[in-house]
Amino acid sequence: MNYLFFSLCSIFFFYPFFLQSVFYEESALFSGEYSENYIIRWAFQKLCDFSFGPRRDPFSWPTHSQGVSFDPRKVKGGELVFVRDVERFFKTVYRRINHPFIMVTAGEARDKVQKNQIAYLDDKKIIAWFSVHACEYAHPKFCPIPLGIFQEKKYYHHRKNLTHYFSSLRQIPKEKLLYMNFGDVKGKKAERAEVGKIFSAVEYCFKAEKRLPFLEYMQQMSECKFTLSPPGYGPDCYRTWEALLVGSIPIVKTSHLDRLFKDLPVLIIDRWDEITEDFLESAYKRFSVKKHAIKRLFIEYWAQKIEKRRRSFLLASGGKGL
């Protein structure tokens, strides 16, 4: 009886996704089923029962122009709480939540995980924390999630059409070897300055001459086998996930995020200066031998991971969380 009850709970949790169209991929790098829900901040937010996003300034891509919060007393055991501005959440809302919950964080660089925040996971009230921009400190209750594509809300609203567009880009021949496209490389994006210096005069690297509209940028990137993706203000980078969506292999420097790229066509290097034309040609042959499961680029894969944690909690608590 309990097993049936929890199975039904899982069905209701995934109900919005059962209504989505399912497509099958067969391209140079990917195969498998996928949906119209590519990874973007609002896709994670939609999974959650409550949202906390107090920021209002437009440069933070606010959850709402007036901020958004909720009544913490209404949170039931096992429910999902979407959190931006983690420090403010723990100072103002957290202590008034009475039941264990799962926390989900997705946003921009100001939402990156800090070392001191990992200690919050020692509290039994947090079942698990799924977050973008993971820090280097691990915890059994922490799970990194992808940053996804650039968080412009129109890209979420128009995901049906964009999904088909990105699919068509994955199918086109990759005539160029390497792509570089990022703006000002000063200040906190210093690693980009290093990358720009190394590849600015390299003939096999195609360099965008100016900042492009998003769809033009995606098309240009789709023509290249590899895309340079050094970090920006946070450890993860939109470009990494954008490149994957159009079938270009992102190149990233090894870091604590390596496990996030498991089973994906991501070229992880130790140093930027180890990249050569022969190195890339050889790497592309290796990646092309295997088809990679495209499902990791879509929200359903990550929703299942979250639901697995939620179900484990509910089973352990005998359903009392409900």
Protein backbone atom coordinates (compact mmCIF):
# COMPACT_ATOMS: atom_id res chain seq x y z
CA MET A 1 0.00 0.00 0.00
CA ASN A 2 2.75 2.44 0.98
CA TYR A 3 4.73 1.59 -2.17
CA LEU A 4 1.69 2.34 -4.34
CA PHE A 5 1.08 5.57 -2.46
CA PHE A 6 4.64 6.81 -2.94
CA SER A 7 4.58 5.76 -6.60
CA LEU A 8 1.48 7.87 -7.12
CA CYS A 9 3.20 10.79 -5.39
CA SER A 10 6.06 10.47 -7.87
CA ILE A 11 3.65 10.48 -10.79
CA PHE A 12 2.01 13.69 -9.58
CA PHE A 13 5.44 15.25 -9.07
CA PHE A 14 6.36 14.52 -12.70
CA TYR A 15 2.89 15.17 -14.13
CA PRO A 16 3.86 18.38 -16.01
CA PHE A 17 6.63 16.47 -17.79
CA PHE A 18 4.36 13.64 -18.95
CA LEU A 19 2.51 16.24 -21.03
CA GLN A 20 5.66 17.22 -22.90
CA SER A 21 6.55 15.95 -26.35
CA VAL A 22 9.40 13.44 -26.48
CA PHE A 23 11.92 13.44 -29.32
CA TYR A 24 14.72 11.10 -30.33
CA GLU A 25 18.23 12.31 -31.06
CA GLU A 26 20.75 10.77 -33.42
CA SER A 27 23.59 13.17 -34.17
CA ALA A 28 27.38 13.13 -34.32
CA LEU A 29 27.77 13.28 -30.54
CA PHE A 30 24.40 12.42 -29.01
CA SER A 31 21.63 9.87 -29.01
CA GLY A 32 18.55 9.15 -26.94
CA GLU A 33 15.28 10.75 -25.92
CA TYR A 34 14.89 14.38 -24.96
CA SER A 35 12.13 16.91 -24.33
CA GLU A 36 11.46 20.62 -24.85
CA ASN A 37 12.77 21.38 -21.35
CA TYR A 38 16.43 22.21 -21.81
CA ILE A 39 18.20 23.43 -18.69
CA ILE A 40 17.54 27.02 -17.70
CA ARG A 41 16.89 28.59 -14.30
CA TRP A 42 13.07 28.71 -14.60
CA ALA A 43 12.91 25.00 -15.39
CA PHE A 44 14.36 24.23 -11.95
CA GLN A 45 12.12 26.82 -10.32
CA LYS A 46 9.02 25.21 -11.84
CA LEU A 47 9.84 21.95 -10.04
CA CYS A 48 9.57 23.60 -6.64
CA ASP A 49 6.62 24.09 -4.29
CA PHE A 50 7.87 27.43 -2.91
CA SER A 51 10.18 30.19 -4.15
CA PHE A 52 12.40 32.67 -2.33
CA GLY A 53 13.99 35.33 -4.53
CA PRO A 54 14.22 38.71 -2.77
CA ARG A 55 16.51 40.49 -5.23
CA ARG A 56 14.84 43.25 -7.27
CA ASP A 57 17.56 44.93 -9.32
CA PRO A 58 17.30 44.05 -13.03
CA PHE A 59 20.98 43.11 -13.26
CA SER A 60 20.35 40.10 -11.02
CA TRP A 61 17.65 38.67 -13.31
CA PRO A 62 15.14 38.82 -10.43
CA THR A 63 12.61 36.06 -9.87
CA HIS A 64 10.04 38.87 -9.72
CA SER A 65 10.46 42.65 -10.03
CA GLN A 66 9.07 43.04 -6.49
CA GLY A 67 10.91 40.05 -5.09
CA VAL A 68 9.19 36.84 -4.03
CA SER A 69 8.86 34.95 -0.75
CA PHE A 70 6.43 32.54 0.93
CA ASP A 71 4.93 31.55 4.28
CA PRO A 72 7.53 29.15 5.75
CA ARG A 73 4.92 27.58 8.03
CA LYS A 74 3.22 26.05 4.99
CA VAL A 75 6.21 23.92 3.98
CA LYS A 76 5.49 20.21 4.45
CA GLY A 77 8.07 17.48 4.82
CA GLY A 78 9.76 16.55 1.55
CA GLU A 79 8.63 19.63 -0.36
CA LEU A 80 10.95 21.62 -2.62
CA VAL A 81 12.01 25.19 -1.91
CA PHE A 82 13.64 27.26 -4.65
CA VAL A 83 16.17 29.65 -3.09
CA ARG A 84 18.13 32.59 -4.45
CA ASP A 85 20.21 34.71 -2.05
CA VAL A 86 21.00 31.82 0.27
CA GLU A 87 22.43 33.96 3.08
CA ARG A 88 19.28 36.07 3.35
CA PHE A 89 17.15 32.93 3.24
CA PHE A 90 18.92 31.42 6.24
CA LYS A 91 18.77 34.68 8.18
CA THR A 92 15.10 35.46 7.58
CA VAL A 93 13.07 32.41 6.56
CA TYR A 94 14.86 29.18 7.36
CA ARG A 95 14.33 29.11 11.12
CA ARG A 96 10.54 29.37 10.64
CA ILE A 97 10.32 26.27 8.44
CA ASN A 98 9.14 23.41 10.64
CA HIS A 99 9.65 20.36 8.43
CA PRO A 100 12.55 18.85 6.46
CA PHE A 101 12.71 20.10 2.87
CA ILE A 102 14.84 19.97 -0.27
CA MET A 103 16.53 23.19 -1.35
CA VAL A 104 17.13 24.04 -5.02
CA THR A 105 19.27 27.00 -6.12
CA ALA A 106 19.67 28.20 -9.70
CA GLY A 107 20.55 31.66 -10.94
CA GLU A 108 23.59 33.76 -11.68
CA ALA A 109 27.05 34.24 -10.19
CA ARG A 110 25.72 35.79 -6.98
CA ASP A 111 24.06 32.45 -6.28
CA LYS A 112 27.33 30.51 -6.25
CA VAL A 113 27.83 28.29 -3.24
CA GLN A 114 30.16 29.54 -0.50
CA LYS A 115 32.27 27.34 1.77
CA ASN A 116 30.46 28.46 4.94
CA GLN A 117 27.06 27.59 3.44
CA ILE A 118 27.96 23.90 3.19
CA ALA A 119 27.75 23.74 7.00
CA TYR A 120 24.00 24.39 6.81
CA LEU A 121 23.64 20.87 5.42
CA ASP A 122 24.55 19.39 8.80
CA ASP A 123 21.07 20.39 9.97
CA LYS A 124 18.57 17.52 9.68
CA LYS A 125 15.96 19.97 8.41
CA ILE A 126 17.67 20.06 5.01
CA ILE A 127 17.15 16.79 3.14
CA ALA A 128 19.40 17.81 0.26
CA TRP A 129 20.64 20.88 -1.59
CA PHE A 130 20.79 20.95 -5.39
CA SER A 131 22.63 24.03 -6.64
CA VAL A 132 24.43 25.65 -9.55
CA HIS A 133 27.94 27.06 -9.10
CA ALA A 134 29.09 24.44 -6.60
CA CYS A 135 32.10 25.21 -4.42
CA GLU A 136 35.04 22.86 -3.99
CA TYR A 137 33.81 21.49 -0.64
CA ALA A 138 31.76 18.29 -0.88
CA HIS A 139 28.94 17.10 1.35
CA PRO A 140 26.80 13.94 1.06
CA LYS A 141 23.65 16.08 0.98
CA PHE A 142 24.90 18.42 -1.74
CA CYS A 143 24.41 17.79 -5.46
CA PRO A 144 25.71 20.14 -8.18
CA ILE A 145 23.36 20.94 -11.06
CA PRO A 146 24.12 22.58 -14.42
CA LEU A 147 23.95 26.32 -14.92
CA GLY A 148 22.19 25.79 -18.24
CA ILE A 149 21.78 28.43 -20.92
CA PHE A 150 21.78 32.20 -20.43
CA GLN A 151 18.93 33.13 -18.11
CA GLU A 152 16.81 35.35 -20.26
CA LYS A 153 13.19 34.48 -19.48
CA LYS A 154 12.11 34.62 -23.12
CA TYR A 155 14.39 31.65 -23.79
CA TYR A 156 12.31 29.71 -21.27
CA HIS A 157 8.95 30.83 -22.67
CA HIS A 158 9.99 30.02 -26.25
CA ARG A 159 11.70 26.74 -25.41
CA LYS A 160 9.46 24.72 -27.74
CA ASN A 161 10.64 26.54 -30.86
CA LEU A 162 14.19 26.89 -29.58
CA THR A 163 14.43 23.17 -28.84
CA HIS A 164 13.78 22.42 -32.52
CA TYR A 165 16.23 25.13 -33.57
CA PHE A 166 19.01 23.76 -31.36
CA SER A 167 18.28 20.25 -32.63
CA SER A 168 18.78 21.42 -36.21
CA LEU A 169 22.08 23.05 -35.22
CA ARG A 170 23.35 19.77 -33.76
CA GLN A 171 22.88 18.18 -37.17
CA ILE A 172 24.91 20.61 -39.27
CA PRO A 173 28.49 19.72 -40.32
CA LYS A 174 31.21 21.14 -38.08
CA GLU A 175 33.45 22.82 -40.65
CA LYS A 176 35.58 24.81 -38.17
CA LEU A 177 37.77 23.33 -35.47
CA LEU A 178 37.69 25.78 -32.55
CA TYR A 179 35.44 28.66 -31.48
CA MET A 180 36.20 31.61 -29.19
CA ASN A 181 33.59 34.19 -28.27
CA PHE A 182 33.70 36.14 -25.03
CA GLY A 183 33.79 39.83 -24.26
CA ASP A 184 35.80 41.93 -21.85
CA VAL A 185 38.43 39.70 -20.27
CA LYS A 186 39.52 41.98 -17.47
CA GLY A 187 38.86 41.97 -13.74
CA LYS A 188 37.21 38.91 -12.23
CA LYS A 189 37.22 37.13 -15.57
CA ALA A 190 41.02 37.13 -15.63
CA GLU A 191 41.24 33.53 -16.84
CA ARG A 192 39.53 34.63 -20.03
CA ALA A 193 42.36 37.10 -20.58
CA GLU A 194 44.82 34.20 -20.47
CA VAL A 195 42.75 32.20 -22.95
CA GLY A 196 42.29 35.20 -25.24
CA LYS A 197 46.02 35.84 -25.27
CA ILE A 198 46.83 32.24 -26.19
CA PHE A 199 44.29 31.88 -29.01
CA SER A 200 43.92 35.40 -30.44
CA ALA A 201 46.47 34.71 -33.20
CA VAL A 202 45.84 30.99 -33.67
CA GLU A 203 44.69 30.28 -37.23
CA TYR A 204 42.61 27.20 -36.44
CA CYS A 205 40.55 29.17 -33.89
CA PHE A 206 37.51 31.01 -35.27
CA LYS A 207 37.02 34.23 -33.28
CA ALA A 208 33.78 36.21 -33.19
CA GLU A 209 34.49 39.82 -34.11
CA LYS A 210 31.77 41.29 -31.92
CA ARG A 211 29.05 40.40 -29.45
CA LEU A 212 26.25 38.68 -31.37
CA PRO A 213 22.51 38.29 -30.75
CA PHE A 214 21.94 35.02 -28.90
CA LEU A 215 20.59 32.97 -31.79
CA GLU A 216 23.34 34.12 -34.16
CA TYR A 217 25.91 33.27 -31.51
CA MET A 218 24.43 29.78 -31.13
CA GLN A 219 24.46 29.25 -34.90
CA GLN A 220 28.08 30.40 -35.19
CA MET A 221 29.14 28.13 -32.34
CA SER A 222 27.32 25.16 -33.89
CA GLU A 223 29.66 25.32 -36.91
CA CYS A 224 32.67 24.47 -34.71
CA LYS A 225 33.80 21.14 -33.31
CA PHE A 226 35.08 22.71 -30.07
CA THR A 227 34.27 25.82 -28.04
CA LEU A 228 36.58 27.45 -25.49
CA SER A 229 34.66 27.83 -22.23
CA PRO A 230 36.73 29.38 -19.43
CA PRO A 231 34.76 30.40 -16.31
CA GLY A 232 33.19 33.83 -15.92
CA TYR A 233 32.11 35.25 -12.56
CA GLY A 234 31.22 31.79 -11.25
CA PRO A 235 32.86 28.37 -11.58
CA ASP A 236 30.34 27.14 -14.17
CA CYS A 237 29.67 28.90 -17.47
CA TYR A 238 26.56 29.29 -19.65
CA ARG A 239 28.72 28.74 -22.72
CA THR A 240 29.52 25.18 -21.67
CA TRP A 241 25.87 24.14 -21.75
CA GLU A 242 25.03 26.27 -24.77
CA ALA A 243 27.83 24.59 -26.72
CA LEU A 244 26.53 21.14 -25.82
CA LEU A 245 23.01 22.06 -26.93
CA VAL A 246 24.26 22.89 -30.43
CA GLY A 247 26.66 19.94 -30.70
CA SER A 248 29.96 21.75 -30.11
CA ILE A 249 32.31 20.21 -27.54
CA PRO A 250 33.11 22.69 -24.76
CA ILE A 251 36.67 22.85 -23.47
CA VAL A 252 36.96 23.47 -19.73
CA LYS A 253 39.82 23.44 -17.28
CA THR A 254 39.76 20.66 -14.70
CA SER A 255 38.06 21.69 -11.45
CA HIS A 256 35.71 20.47 -8.74
CA LEU A 257 32.93 20.61 -11.37
CA ASP A 258 34.40 17.71 -13.37
CA ARG A 259 31.80 15.24 -12.06
CA LEU A 260 29.05 17.45 -13.48
CA PHE A 261 30.33 16.62 -16.97
CA LYS A 262 30.40 12.85 -16.49
CA ASP A 263 29.26 10.99 -19.64
CA LEU A 264 29.02 14.24 -21.62
CA PRO A 265 31.24 15.28 -24.57
CA VAL A 266 33.24 17.83 -22.60
CA LEU A 267 36.99 18.14 -23.13
CA ILE A 268 38.61 18.64 -19.71
CA ILE A 269 42.19 19.92 -19.78
CA ASP A 270 44.88 20.75 -17.21
CA ARG A 271 46.26 23.84 -18.96
CA TRP A 272 45.01 26.06 -21.76
CA ASP A 273 48.39 26.02 -23.46
CA GLU A 274 48.26 22.25 -23.97
CA ILE A 275 45.69 22.75 -26.74
CA THR A 276 47.03 22.34 -30.27
CA GLU A 277 45.42 21.61 -33.63
CA ASP A 278 46.56 17.98 -33.57
CA PHE A 279 45.40 17.61 -29.96
CA LEU A 280 41.87 18.74 -30.90
CA GLU A 281 41.64 16.62 -34.04
CA SER A 282 42.64 13.56 -32.04
CA ALA A 283 40.18 14.40 -29.25
CA TYR A 284 37.32 14.85 -31.70
CA LYS A 285 37.92 11.38 -33.13
CA ARG A 286 37.71 9.94 -29.60
CA PHE A 287 34.48 11.76 -28.80
CA SER A 288 32.92 10.78 -32.13
CA VAL A 289 33.37 7.06 -31.49
CA LYS A 290 30.79 7.12 -28.68
CA LYS A 291 27.22 8.42 -28.63
CA HIS A 292 26.48 10.37 -25.46
CA ALA A 293 23.08 10.36 -23.73
CA ILE A 294 21.49 13.71 -24.49
CA LYS A 295 19.08 13.44 -21.54
CA ARG A 296 21.59 15.11 -19.18
CA LEU A 297 20.99 18.40 -21.03
CA PHE A 298 17.30 18.40 -20.12
CA ILE A 299 15.45 19.05 -16.88
CA GLU A 300 13.74 15.64 -16.59
CA TYR A 301 17.07 13.95 -15.87
CA TRP A 302 17.76 16.30 -12.97
CA ALA A 303 14.15 16.23 -11.77
CA GLN A 304 14.50 12.46 -11.37
CA LYS A 305 17.60 12.95 -9.22
CA ILE A 306 15.71 15.39 -7.01
CA GLU A 307 12.68 13.10 -6.83
CA LYS A 308 14.89 10.17 -5.80
CA ARG A 309 16.10 12.12 -2.76
CA ARG A 310 12.55 13.19 -1.95
CA ARG A 311 11.20 9.65 -2.24
CA SER A 312 13.98 8.26 -0.04
CA PHE A 313 13.07 10.77 2.66
CA LEU A 314 9.35 9.98 2.45
CA LEU A 315 9.95 6.24 2.60
CA ALA A 316 12.29 6.63 5.59
CA SER A 317 9.76 8.80 7.40
CA GLY A 318 6.86 6.46 6.66
CA GLY A 319 5.06 9.15 4.71
CA LYS A 320 4.84 11.45 7.73
CA GLY A 321 6.40 14.24 5.69
CA LEU A 322 3.18 14.51 3.70
